Protein backbone atom coordinates (compact mmCIF):
# COMPACT_ATOMS: atom_id res chain seq x y z
CA LEU A 1 -0.03 0.08 0.16
CA ASN A 2 1.55 3.22 -0.94
CA SER A 3 0.68 6.71 -0.27
CA GLY A 4 -2.63 7.58 -2.27
CA CYS A 5 -2.56 3.90 -4.42
CA VAL A 6 -4.15 0.88 -3.67
CA LYS A 7 -2.06 -2.33 -5.43
CA ILE A 8 -3.85 -5.53 -5.35
CA VAL A 9 -2.24 -9.36 -5.78
CA ASN A 10 -4.62 -11.74 -7.53
CA LEU A 11 -3.19 -15.64 -9.04
CA SER A 12 -4.50 -16.23 -12.12
CA ALA A 13 -5.54 -20.00 -13.01
CA ASP A 14 -1.85 -20.52 -13.90
CA GLY A 15 -0.50 -19.46 -10.87
CA ARG A 16 0.71 -15.99 -12.26
CA GLU A 17 0.20 -13.12 -10.62
CA GLN A 18 -1.94 -10.45 -11.18
CA THR A 19 -1.80 -6.61 -9.90
CA THR A 20 -3.96 -3.54 -10.22
CA ASP A 21 -3.94 -0.68 -8.64
CA PHE A 22 -6.47 1.25 -7.16
CA GLU A 23 -6.10 5.08 -6.68
CA MET A 24 -6.75 6.63 -3.31
CA GLU A 25 -9.15 9.82 -3.40
CA SER A 26 -9.37 12.75 -1.54
CA GLY A 27 -10.66 11.21 2.04
CA GLY A 28 -9.04 8.14 1.96
CA SER A 29 -11.88 6.38 -0.43
CA LEU A 30 -11.49 3.78 -2.95
CA ASN A 31 -12.22 4.93 -6.88
CA LEU A 32 -13.24 1.65 -7.88
CA ASN A 33 -15.26 3.19 -10.71
CA GLN A 34 -12.20 3.45 -13.45
CA HIS A 35 -11.51 -0.67 -12.99
CA LEU A 36 -14.86 -1.71 -13.48
CA PRO A 37 -16.34 -2.81 -16.24
CA GLU A 38 -19.49 -0.34 -17.87
CA ALA A 39 -22.82 -2.36 -17.09
CA ALA A 40 -24.63 -3.14 -20.48
CA PRO A 41 -27.71 -0.63 -21.22
CA VAL A 42 -31.06 -2.07 -19.92
CA GLU A 43 -32.74 -2.47 -22.81
CA GLU A 44 -36.34 -1.01 -23.15
CA LYS A 45 -39.39 -3.34 -23.18
CA LYS A 46 -41.68 -2.18 -26.04
CA PRO A 47 -45.44 -2.36 -24.85
CA VAL A 48 -47.23 -5.56 -26.53
CA GLU A 49 -49.75 -4.59 -28.78
CA GLU A 50 -53.29 -6.73 -28.38
CA LYS A 51 -54.35 -8.35 -31.52
CA LYS A 52 -57.84 -7.03 -32.95
CA PRO A 53 -60.01 -9.20 -33.76
CA GLU A 54 -60.32 -9.52 -37.68
CA VAL A 55 -63.81 -7.85 -39.07
CA LYS A 56 -64.74 -8.86 -42.25
CA ALA A 57 -65.59 -6.22 -44.99
CA PRO A 58 -68.41 -4.50 -45.48
CA GLU A 59 -68.30 -5.53 -49.33
CA GLU A 60 -68.28 -9.44 -48.68
CA THR A 61 -71.65 -8.81 -46.69
CA LYS A 62 -73.00 -6.49 -49.88
CA THR A 63 -71.60 -9.81 -51.78
CA GLU A 64 -73.81 -12.13 -49.63
CA VAL A 65 -77.02 -9.43 -50.38
CA LYS A 66 -76.60 -9.19 -53.79
CA THR A 67 -76.10 -12.93 -54.68
CA ASP A 68 -79.27 -13.83 -52.42
CA ASP A 69 -81.55 -10.86 -54.63
CA LYS A 70 -80.33 -12.38 -57.59
CA LYS A 71 -81.41 -16.27 -56.68
CA ALA A 72 -84.60 -14.24 -56.02
CA ALA A 73 -84.58 -12.58 -59.04
CA ASP A 74 -83.73 -15.76 -61.23
CA VAL A 75 -86.53 -17.51 -58.79
CA ALA A 76 -89.61 -14.94 -60.32
CA ALA A 77 -88.07 -14.84 -63.81
CA ALA A 78 -88.60 -18.83 -63.56
CA ALA A 79 -91.93 -18.26 -62.24
CA GLU A 80 -93.28 -15.37 -64.80
CA ALA A 81 -91.71 -18.22 -68.29
CA ARG A 82 -93.90 -21.25 -66.25
CA ALA A 83 -96.89 -18.35 -65.75
CA THR A 84 -96.39 -17.50 -69.55
CA ALA A 85 -96.11 -21.23 -70.77
CA LEU A 86 -99.74 -22.40 -69.32
CA ALA A 87 -101.27 -19.32 -70.54
CA GLN A 88 -100.41 -20.70 -73.83
CA PHE A 89 -100.90 -23.78 -73.34
CA LEU A 90 -104.60 -23.33 -71.51
CA PHE A 91 -105.47 -20.94 -74.40
CA ASP A 92 -103.38 -21.75 -77.83
CA THR A 93 -102.87 -25.24 -77.18
CA ALA A 94 -105.55 -26.60 -75.11
CA GLY A 95 -108.33 -24.00 -76.63
CA PHE A 96 -109.90 -22.46 -73.60
CA ARG A 97 -111.87 -19.26 -74.60
CA GLY A 98 -114.23 -17.12 -73.33
CA ASN A 99 -117.71 -17.48 -73.96
CA ARG A 100 -118.73 -14.86 -76.11
CA ASP A 101 -121.64 -15.96 -78.40
CA ASP A 102 -123.82 -17.36 -75.25
CA TYR A 103 -121.84 -14.97 -72.37
CA THR A 104 -125.10 -15.63 -69.99
CA ASP A 105 -125.46 -19.80 -70.33
CA PRO A 106 -125.13 -21.04 -66.84
CA ARG A 107 -122.73 -23.62 -68.27
CA ASN A 108 -120.48 -21.02 -68.26
CA SER A 109 -120.27 -20.67 -63.84
CA TYR A 110 -119.86 -25.01 -63.25
CA LEU A 111 -116.73 -25.54 -63.65
CA ASN A 112 -117.26 -29.38 -65.10
CA GLN A 113 -119.01 -27.56 -68.08
CA VAL A 114 -116.21 -25.47 -68.17
CA LEU A 115 -113.80 -28.02 -68.44
CA ASP A 116 -115.60 -29.91 -70.93
CA ARG A 117 -117.01 -28.01 -73.30
CA ARG A 118 -113.64 -25.49 -72.85
CA LEU A 119 -116.46 -22.73 -72.49
CA GLY A 120 -116.56 -20.20 -69.74
CA LEU A 121 -116.74 -16.88 -68.13
CA PRO A 122 -113.77 -14.67 -67.45
CA ILE A 123 -114.16 -15.83 -63.59
CA SER A 124 -113.91 -19.79 -64.33
CA LEU A 125 -111.57 -19.28 -66.64
CA SER A 126 -109.40 -17.73 -64.58
CA VAL A 127 -109.69 -20.69 -61.83
CA VAL A 128 -109.19 -22.86 -64.17
CA TYR A 129 -105.54 -21.22 -64.47
CA LEU A 130 -105.19 -20.82 -61.14
CA HIS A 131 -105.86 -23.88 -59.96
CA LEU A 132 -102.72 -25.46 -62.28
CA ALA A 133 -100.82 -22.41 -61.68
CA GLU A 134 -101.08 -23.77 -58.25
CA GLN A 135 -99.84 -26.97 -58.92
CA LEU A 136 -96.87 -25.39 -61.01
CA ALA A 137 -95.54 -23.21 -58.22
CA VAL A 138 -96.80 -20.10 -60.03
CA PRO A 139 -97.69 -17.02 -57.46
CA ALA A 140 -100.97 -16.43 -59.63
CA PHE A 141 -103.65 -14.45 -58.28
CA GLY A 142 -107.91 -13.92 -59.02
CA ILE A 143 -107.99 -10.08 -59.46
CA GLY A 144 -111.79 -9.14 -59.20
CA LEU A 145 -112.09 -6.56 -61.35
CA PRO A 146 -115.88 -4.99 -61.41
CA GLY A 147 -117.55 -6.58 -64.63
CA HIS A 148 -114.25 -8.05 -65.53
CA PHE A 149 -111.95 -10.92 -64.01
CA ILE A 150 -108.85 -11.35 -64.35
CA VAL A 151 -105.03 -12.93 -62.85
CA SER A 152 -102.11 -11.74 -61.53
CA VAL A 153 -98.50 -13.44 -61.89
CA LEU A 154 -96.36 -12.56 -59.31
CA GLY A 155 -92.91 -11.57 -60.58
CA ALA A 156 -89.38 -9.97 -60.63
CA ASP A 157 -90.99 -6.51 -61.44
CA GLY A 158 -93.92 -6.71 -59.11
CA PRO A 159 -97.76 -8.09 -60.48
CA SER A 160 -98.30 -8.39 -63.70
CA TYR A 161 -102.16 -9.19 -64.97
CA LEU A 162 -103.44 -11.77 -67.85
CA ASP A 163 -107.34 -12.07 -69.26
CA PRO A 164 -107.90 -15.35 -69.03
CA PHE A 165 -111.35 -14.69 -71.12
CA ASN A 166 -109.26 -13.35 -73.79
CA GLY A 167 -107.12 -15.91 -74.77
CA GLY A 168 -104.65 -15.10 -71.85
CA ARG A 169 -103.51 -11.71 -73.59
CA PRO A 170 -101.20 -9.86 -71.13
CA LEU A 171 -102.42 -6.29 -69.45
CA SER A 172 -101.05 -3.37 -68.19
CA THR A 173 -102.53 -1.27 -64.95
CA ALA A 174 -103.53 1.10 -67.92
CA ASP A 175 -105.13 -2.12 -70.12
CA CYS A 176 -107.18 -2.90 -66.61
CA VAL A 177 -108.67 0.83 -65.87
CA THR A 178 -109.89 0.08 -69.48
CA LEU A 179 -111.80 -3.05 -68.73
CA VAL A 180 -113.84 -1.44 -65.64
CA GLN A 181 -114.79 1.43 -67.94
CA GLY A 182 -116.14 -1.03 -70.48
CA ALA A 183 -118.10 -2.33 -67.53
CA LEU A 184 -119.08 0.11 -65.84
CA GLY A 185 -118.78 3.22 -67.95
CA ASN A 186 -116.18 6.01 -68.51
CA GLN A 187 -117.31 8.42 -65.49
CA ILE A 188 -116.62 5.79 -62.85
CA GLY A 189 -113.53 6.24 -61.22
CA PHE A 190 -110.72 3.45 -61.23
CA ASP A 191 -110.35 2.38 -57.22
CA PRO A 192 -106.57 0.29 -57.46
CA ASP A 193 -107.82 -2.04 -54.47
CA TRP A 194 -109.65 -3.40 -57.29
CA LEU A 195 -106.01 -5.06 -58.48
CA ARG A 196 -105.85 -6.60 -54.60
CA PRO A 197 -105.68 -10.20 -54.80
CA MET A 198 -109.24 -11.83 -54.20
CA PRO A 199 -109.30 -14.86 -51.45
CA GLY A 200 -110.63 -17.83 -52.47
CA ARG A 201 -114.24 -17.79 -50.46
CA GLU A 202 -114.36 -14.41 -52.28
CA ILE A 203 -114.16 -15.99 -55.89
CA VAL A 204 -116.92 -18.60 -55.04
CA ALA A 205 -119.14 -16.22 -53.18
CA ARG A 206 -118.76 -14.36 -56.98
CA MET A 207 -119.51 -17.81 -59.03
CA LEU A 208 -122.68 -18.64 -56.73
CA ASN A 209 -123.98 -14.36 -57.60
CA ASN A 210 -123.19 -14.90 -60.94
CA LEU A 211 -125.07 -18.45 -61.73
CA ARG A 212 -128.19 -16.85 -58.86
CA GLY A 213 -128.53 -13.91 -61.31
CA PHE A 214 -129.06 -16.06 -64.32
CA TYR A 215 -131.55 -17.83 -62.87
CA VAL A 216 -133.53 -14.87 -61.20
CA SER A 217 -133.68 -13.39 -65.22
CA VAL A 218 -135.21 -16.13 -66.31
CA ASP A 219 -137.55 -16.64 -63.27
CA ASP A 220 -136.13 -20.30 -62.05
CA TRP A 221 -136.74 -19.63 -58.53
CA PRO A 222 -135.81 -22.67 -56.88
CA ARG A 223 -131.91 -22.86 -58.83
CA ALA A 224 -131.45 -19.32 -57.63
CA ILE A 225 -132.76 -19.38 -54.43
């Protein structure tokens, strides 16, 4: 130990001496920092980011909706095609037609006679069409316009109309107005509610009223009652 200096002797593993000198600071304390290795810097830990759940892009949902819409449109288009084919079969191939020559003949209202003679009124021919449409999964409905019964078919663009009494020809809304005016007169305003589907019981009641009206006109009271 010398003044102002401390010498430390260490033996190495092979027996050789290793000397280290430490300087004394004022006040008699040792300055060890000069011979100590620098401490390795502490690495700062970064916060772990939470993994957010994967969210589907809105475009995928839109694609699914469009696919469903396309399927519905295809189903409606197929139903419209069957409706047109049914009208062609009934009124062109099978020869069902409206009885213009003897409109008030009661046989026009009896479905067995309509099937045998292939003649009928607007409502009885419509009933034949509606029955077959149901078997073909065609969304068809009876429309009880005043003075003239027709059929509606629900398609991709809404209801379309056809006239079984006149060979199943397609009808626009304007054509329906013309039919009503032909039956009731031009002074009658058109009520859009007339284009609503008529329930089955009301269709039967209207057919029975037609028969009663005929029998009353010929004073056949037993049958009218």
